[in-house]
Protein backbone atom coordinates (compact mmCIF):
# COMPACT_ATOMS: atom_id res chain seq x y z
CA MET A 1 105.19 184.62 61.82
CA ILE A 2 103.83 182.44 58.99
CA ASN A 3 100.46 180.73 59.41
CA THR A 4 100.50 177.12 58.20
CA THR A 5 96.91 176.20 59.10
CA ILE A 6 95.29 174.13 56.35
CA ILE A 7 91.71 175.24 55.66
CA SER A 8 89.43 174.09 52.83
CA THR A 9 86.47 176.51 52.83
CA THR A 10 85.72 180.11 53.70
CA LYS A 11 83.31 178.90 56.40
CA GLU A 12 86.14 176.94 58.04
CA MET A 13 88.33 180.03 57.79
CA TYR A 14 85.81 182.30 59.52
CA SER A 15 85.14 179.63 62.14
CA SER A 16 88.83 179.36 63.06
CA VAL A 17 91.78 181.60 62.12
CA GLU A 18 89.68 184.64 61.21
CA PHE A 19 87.08 184.18 63.94
CA ASN A 20 88.36 186.55 66.61
CA PHE A 21 89.05 189.34 64.12
CA TRP A 22 85.45 189.37 62.84
CA ALA A 23 83.76 188.43 66.11
CA TYR A 24 85.13 191.33 68.13
CA LYS A 25 85.71 194.04 65.55
CA GLU A 26 83.82 197.26 66.36
CA LYS A 27 82.61 200.49 64.76
CA LEU A 28 81.67 201.35 61.20
CA LEU A 29 84.20 202.18 58.53
CA LEU A 30 83.73 205.63 57.01
CA GLY A 31 82.57 204.13 53.70
CA GLU A 32 80.01 201.94 55.43
CA LYS A 33 78.69 204.94 57.37
CA PHE A 34 78.38 206.93 54.15
CA LEU A 35 76.38 204.21 52.39
CA ILE A 36 74.06 203.63 55.34
CA GLU A 37 73.39 207.30 55.99
CA THR A 38 73.01 208.16 52.30
CA TYR A 39 70.83 205.33 51.05
CA LEU A 40 69.00 203.67 53.95
CA ASP A 41 66.02 204.77 56.06
CA GLU A 42 66.34 204.11 59.79
CA ASN A 43 62.59 203.49 60.11
CA LEU A 44 62.37 200.61 57.63
CA LYS A 45 62.80 196.88 58.24
CA THR A 46 66.41 196.06 57.40
CA VAL A 47 68.55 192.92 57.29
CA GLU A 48 72.35 192.74 57.27
CA ALA A 49 74.08 189.75 55.64
CA GLY A 50 77.30 188.23 56.99
CA THR A 51 77.07 190.09 60.28
CA GLY A 52 80.01 188.34 61.99
CA GLY A 53 79.96 189.53 65.59
CA GLY A 54 77.27 192.08 64.78
CA ARG A 55 79.52 195.10 64.25
CA ILE A 56 77.48 196.79 61.52
CA ALA A 57 74.02 195.94 62.87
CA LEU A 58 74.91 197.12 66.37
CA SER A 59 76.35 200.35 64.97
CA MET A 60 73.16 200.90 62.97
CA GLN A 61 71.17 200.46 66.16
CA GLN A 62 73.22 203.26 67.73
CA MET A 63 72.47 205.39 64.65
CA GLY A 64 68.74 205.07 65.32
CA PHE A 65 67.71 202.10 63.15
CA LYS A 66 64.72 200.49 64.84
CA ASN A 67 63.80 197.31 62.97
CA LEU A 68 67.00 195.35 62.45
CA TYR A 69 67.73 191.77 61.49
CA ALA A 70 71.12 190.19 60.79
CA PHE A 71 72.44 186.77 59.83
CA ASP A 72 75.63 184.78 59.40
CA TYR A 73 76.40 181.18 58.47
CA VAL A 74 78.84 180.73 61.36
CA PRO A 75 76.78 179.87 64.48
CA ASP A 76 79.47 181.04 66.92
CA PHE A 77 79.39 184.51 65.33
CA ILE A 78 75.68 184.72 66.02
CA GLU A 79 76.19 183.72 69.66
CA ILE A 80 78.76 186.51 70.06
CA ALA A 81 76.43 189.02 68.38
CA LYS A 82 73.50 188.03 70.60
CA ASN A 83 75.63 188.48 73.69
CA LYS A 84 76.55 192.00 72.59
CA ASN A 85 72.91 192.86 71.88
CA ASN A 86 72.03 194.08 75.36
CA ASP A 87 68.64 195.50 74.38
CA LYS A 88 67.71 192.27 72.56
CA ASN A 89 66.03 194.24 69.78
CA ILE A 90 68.15 193.05 66.86
CA TYR A 91 67.08 189.66 65.50
CA PHE A 92 70.30 187.69 64.93
CA THR A 93 69.93 184.31 63.21
CA VAL A 94 72.07 181.59 61.63
CA ASN A 95 71.40 181.69 57.89
CA ASP A 96 73.17 180.97 54.61
CA ALA A 97 73.00 183.68 51.93
CA THR A 98 72.51 181.06 49.21
CA SER A 99 69.34 179.66 50.80
CA LEU A 100 67.62 181.96 53.29
CA ASN A 101 64.74 181.04 55.57
CA TYR A 102 63.16 184.49 55.44
CA LYS A 103 59.79 185.00 53.77
CA ASP A 104 59.30 186.47 50.30
CA CYS A 105 59.28 190.30 50.33
CA GLU A 106 60.02 190.37 54.07
CA PHE A 107 62.43 193.34 54.12
CA ASN A 108 62.41 196.94 52.94
CA GLN A 109 66.22 197.16 52.94
CA LEU A 110 69.14 194.76 52.52
CA LEU A 111 72.75 195.40 53.45
CA TYR A 112 75.33 193.01 51.93
CA LEU A 113 78.61 194.67 52.90
CA GLN A 114 81.95 193.08 53.84
CA GLN A 115 81.98 191.46 50.37
CA VAL A 116 79.77 188.61 51.61
CA ILE A 117 78.90 187.27 48.17
CA SER A 118 82.56 187.16 47.10
CA THR A 119 83.22 184.63 49.88
CA ILE A 120 80.91 182.08 48.20
CA GLU A 121 83.15 179.62 46.39
CA ASP A 122 81.03 178.64 43.37
CA ALA A 123 79.29 180.69 40.68
CA ALA A 124 75.91 179.00 41.18
CA GLY A 125 76.02 179.79 44.90
CA ARG A 126 76.87 183.44 44.27
CA TYR A 127 74.02 183.77 41.78
CA ASN A 128 71.63 182.07 44.23
CA ALA A 129 72.67 184.61 46.86
CA PHE A 130 71.68 187.49 44.56
CA LYS A 131 68.38 185.75 43.73
CA GLU A 132 67.65 185.08 47.39
CA ALA A 133 68.35 188.73 48.18
CA TYR A 134 65.90 189.73 45.46
CA ARG A 135 63.30 187.29 46.81
CA ILE A 136 63.29 188.63 50.38
CA LEU A 137 63.24 192.30 49.31
CA ILE A 138 59.90 194.06 49.04
CA LYS A 139 58.97 195.64 45.70
CA GLY A 140 60.44 199.13 45.67
CA GLY A 141 62.89 198.15 48.41
CA LYS A 142 66.60 198.95 48.41
CA ALA A 143 69.68 196.71 48.53
CA ILE A 144 73.36 197.59 48.90
CA PHE A 145 76.03 195.11 47.79
CA SER A 146 79.81 195.26 48.09
CA LEU A 147 82.04 192.94 46.06
CA LEU A 148 85.76 192.30 45.76
CA ASN A 149 87.15 194.24 42.79
CA PHE A 150 89.50 192.34 40.49
CA ASP A 151 90.14 195.34 38.22
CA SER A 152 91.49 197.29 41.17
CA ARG A 153 93.65 194.45 42.45
CA VAL A 154 95.21 193.66 39.08
CA THR A 155 96.51 197.25 38.79
CA SER A 156 97.82 197.40 42.36
CA PRO A 157 101.65 197.66 42.56
CA PHE A 158 101.53 195.48 45.67
CA TYR A 159 99.29 192.68 44.35
CA ALA A 160 100.12 192.65 40.62
CA PRO A 161 103.38 190.65 41.07
CA TYR A 162 101.49 188.02 43.08
CA LEU A 163 98.94 187.68 40.26
CA VAL A 164 101.75 187.17 37.74
CA TYR A 165 103.23 184.51 40.01
CA LEU A 166 99.85 182.83 40.51
CA ARG A 167 99.10 182.69 36.77
CA LEU A 168 102.47 181.02 36.17
CA PHE A 169 102.02 178.64 39.10
CA ARG A 170 98.65 177.49 37.76
CA LYS A 171 99.98 177.16 34.22
CA ILE A 172 102.88 174.99 35.36
CA GLY A 173 100.52 172.89 37.45
CA ASN A 174 98.00 172.66 34.59
CA VAL A 175 95.31 174.08 36.90
CA ASN A 176 92.30 175.42 35.00
CA ARG A 177 91.09 177.88 37.65
CA SER A 178 90.08 181.44 36.85
CA ILE A 179 92.59 184.00 38.10
CA GLN A 180 89.59 185.77 39.63
CA TYR A 181 89.59 183.07 42.32
CA LEU A 182 92.27 184.19 44.75
CA PRO A 183 93.46 182.67 48.04
CA GLN A 184 93.52 184.70 51.23
CA LEU A 185 97.03 186.15 51.61
CA LYS A 186 96.79 186.67 55.37
CA TYR A 187 94.96 185.16 58.31
CA ALA A 188 94.43 187.52 61.25
CA GLY A 189 97.26 189.71 59.97
CA GLU A 190 99.76 186.86 59.56
CA THR A 191 101.07 185.51 56.24
CA ASN A 192 99.10 182.56 54.92
CA LEU A 193 101.79 180.32 53.43
CA GLU A 194 99.13 178.20 51.72
CA SER A 195 98.29 181.16 49.46
CA LEU A 196 101.75 180.82 47.89
CA LEU A 197 100.85 177.23 47.02
CA ASP A 198 97.45 178.31 45.64
CA ARG A 199 95.52 176.40 48.29
CA PRO A 200 91.89 177.05 49.26
CA PRO A 201 89.81 178.73 50.43
CA TYR A 202 89.27 181.09 47.50
CA PHE A 203 87.47 184.39 47.24
CA TYR A 204 85.93 185.47 43.96
CA TRP A 205 87.01 188.88 42.67
CA TYR A 206 84.56 190.49 40.25
CA ARG A 207 85.29 192.65 37.24
CA LEU A 208 83.16 195.79 37.16
CA GLU A 209 81.14 195.02 34.03
CA GLU A 210 80.71 191.38 35.07
CA ALA A 211 79.28 192.37 38.46
CA TYR A 212 76.99 194.94 36.86
CA GLN A 213 75.60 192.33 34.45
CA ILE A 214 75.04 189.64 37.09
CA ILE A 215 73.18 192.00 39.40
CA GLN A 216 70.96 193.01 36.51
CA GLU A 217 70.38 189.34 35.62
CA ALA A 218 69.12 188.86 39.18
CA ASN A 219 66.47 191.50 38.23
CA PHE A 220 67.79 194.33 40.41
CA LYS A 221 67.80 197.86 39.06
CA ILE A 222 71.13 199.54 39.79
CA VAL A 223 70.65 203.17 40.86
CA ALA A 224 74.16 203.99 42.11
CA LEU A 225 77.58 202.38 41.83
CA GLY A 226 81.17 203.08 42.64
CA THR A 227 84.34 201.96 44.38
CA ASP A 228 86.05 202.97 47.60
CA PHE A 229 87.50 205.91 45.68
CA GLN A 230 84.04 207.31 44.84
CA ILE A 231 82.86 206.77 48.40
CA SER A 232 85.89 208.67 49.71
CA GLN A 233 84.79 211.56 47.49
CA GLY A 234 81.23 211.33 48.84
CA LYS A 235 79.66 210.77 45.43
CA MET A 236 78.61 207.58 43.66
CA HIS A 237 77.95 207.27 39.92
CA THR A 238 74.53 206.63 38.39
CA SER A 239 75.71 204.86 35.24
CA LEU A 240 78.23 202.18 34.34
CA GLU A 241 79.66 204.24 31.48
CA THR A 242 80.63 207.20 33.65
CA LEU A 243 82.17 204.95 36.31
CA LYS A 244 84.29 203.19 33.68
CA GLN A 245 85.93 206.55 32.94
CA ALA A 246 86.59 207.28 36.63
CA PRO A 247 89.28 206.01 39.06
CA ASN A 248 88.69 202.37 39.98
CA LYS A 249 90.18 201.77 43.42
CA GLY A 250 89.05 199.49 46.21
CA ASN A 251 85.93 197.37 46.52
CA LEU A 252 82.87 197.63 44.28
CA TYR A 253 79.56 198.98 45.61
CA PHE A 254 76.10 198.78 44.07
CA VAL A 255 72.92 200.40 45.34
CA CYS A 256 69.90 198.67 43.86
CA THR A 257 66.12 198.63 43.93
CA LYS A 258 63.56 195.92 43.19
């Protein structure tokens, strides 16, 4: 079945065709569990960005995390998450990553998984999200970011033909849009026909060196980095140069300090 719903923004997408998938999804992915167990302290004040229905925050609570906060810009997601939070000891709020209402240096740990920043449609908004993350993190605190990985997608046998098609489509249409802005190919597992017509919403797919530079420009110190491949091996890299020589498969992950 082909989905023909017309949607303009990622927020509209998550509020409609993708809502049920993210609202009721459960359990941590193995990579998420690895990052949380390896780099975060269950006793420190932690906030999760883009929580959806609270899947990650609620799983962290089960793992023993005691001081948890989580936010999302879709109000209905937060209502679902609150209803799941039987103990009422996770603080779920409606918030936008580009302009947070948390205090300066409020958190010891930040968790920006599910490629939250890649869903922000404009470059200024994405940079503001990194700066806001830096602002709310305490000095010496830790932040984990995941980003969509363009280098991995462009070499994928499945996606590479679509990228060739999309470049040609934009050239014919005289559309000056970076190929790193890609439409969502599926909604809730069904083909999104609008993606074949290069219609919004768009996600931004980062190149490795580009992401590394932007995170540094936001004043974070990167202490570990890798892709889904490195996480599957249970070992992240500590330098950009060594990662560039390693397999680059899946999403990008950065562990940072302030």
